[in-house]
Amino acid sequence: MDAIKAAEYARALYSAHGDKAEAEAAQKMRACEAAGNMSEAKDWEAVRQAIRQIRGPNQG
């Protein structure tokens, strides 16, 4: 997943879940890792990092 796509997913997830969006992305990442889908887990990690940037510093 490229950075633009990750940012789009992050914005959508943040709009839908607010401050819980990062936790949601982390949960999806762990589920993918558990299923052995490391490529998709990496994508969710990129989304999680993009959400962290959207939230800004000192937000948890």
Protein backbone atom coordinates (compact mmCIF):
# COMPACT_ATOMS: atom_id res chain seq x y z
CA MET A 1 0.00 0.00 0.00
CA ASP A 2 1.42 3.38 -0.91
CA ALA A 3 1.52 6.32 1.49
CA ILE A 4 -1.40 8.10 -0.18
CA LYS A 5 -3.67 5.08 0.14
CA ALA A 6 -2.62 4.59 3.79
CA ALA A 7 -3.42 8.24 4.51
CA GLU A 8 -6.86 7.88 2.87
CA TYR A 9 -7.64 4.80 4.98
CA ALA A 10 -6.35 6.58 8.08
CA ARG A 11 -8.57 9.62 7.52
CA ALA A 12 -11.62 7.43 6.94
CA LEU A 13 -10.91 5.32 10.03
CA TYR A 14 -10.27 8.41 12.15
CA SER A 15 -13.51 9.99 10.94
CA ALA A 16 -15.43 6.85 11.83
CA HIS A 17 -13.75 5.95 15.14
CA GLY A 18 -12.17 9.17 16.41
CA ASP A 19 -9.56 8.63 19.10
CA LYS A 20 -10.11 4.86 18.96
CA ALA A 21 -9.01 4.65 15.32
CA GLU A 22 -5.37 3.90 16.13
CA ALA A 23 -6.40 1.03 18.42
CA GLU A 24 -8.69 -0.30 15.70
CA ALA A 25 -5.85 -0.28 13.17
CA ALA A 26 -3.54 -2.00 15.68
CA GLN A 27 -6.14 -4.69 16.30
CA LYS A 28 -6.50 -5.34 12.57
CA MET A 29 -2.70 -5.46 12.25
CA ARG A 30 -2.43 -8.08 15.03
CA ALA A 31 -5.22 -10.15 13.49
CA CYS A 32 -3.40 -10.18 10.16
CA GLU A 33 -0.13 -11.16 11.86
CA ALA A 34 -1.89 -14.00 13.68
CA ALA A 35 -3.32 -15.22 10.38
CA GLY A 36 0.14 -15.13 8.82
CA ASN A 37 -0.74 -12.33 6.41
CA MET A 38 2.33 -10.17 6.98
CA SER A 39 1.78 -8.03 3.89
CA GLU A 40 -1.63 -6.90 5.07
CA ALA A 41 -0.30 -6.45 8.61
CA LYS A 42 2.35 -4.11 7.21
CA ASP A 43 -0.39 -2.13 5.45
CA TRP A 44 -2.32 -1.75 8.71
CA GLU A 45 0.86 -0.60 10.46
CA ALA A 46 1.19 2.14 7.82
CA VAL A 47 -2.43 3.15 8.44
CA ARG A 48 -1.76 3.19 12.18
CA GLN A 49 1.24 5.48 11.72
CA ALA A 50 -0.80 7.79 9.50
CA ILE A 51 -3.52 7.98 12.17
CA ARG A 52 -0.85 8.87 14.72
CA GLN A 53 0.22 11.77 12.47
CA ILE A 54 -3.37 12.94 12.09
CA ARG A 55 -3.85 12.94 15.86
CA GLY A 56 -0.69 14.92 16.38
CA PRO A 57 1.79 14.91 19.26
CA ASN A 58 0.89 14.17 22.88
CA GLN A 59 -2.36 12.48 22.02
CA GLY A 60 -1.56 9.13 23.56
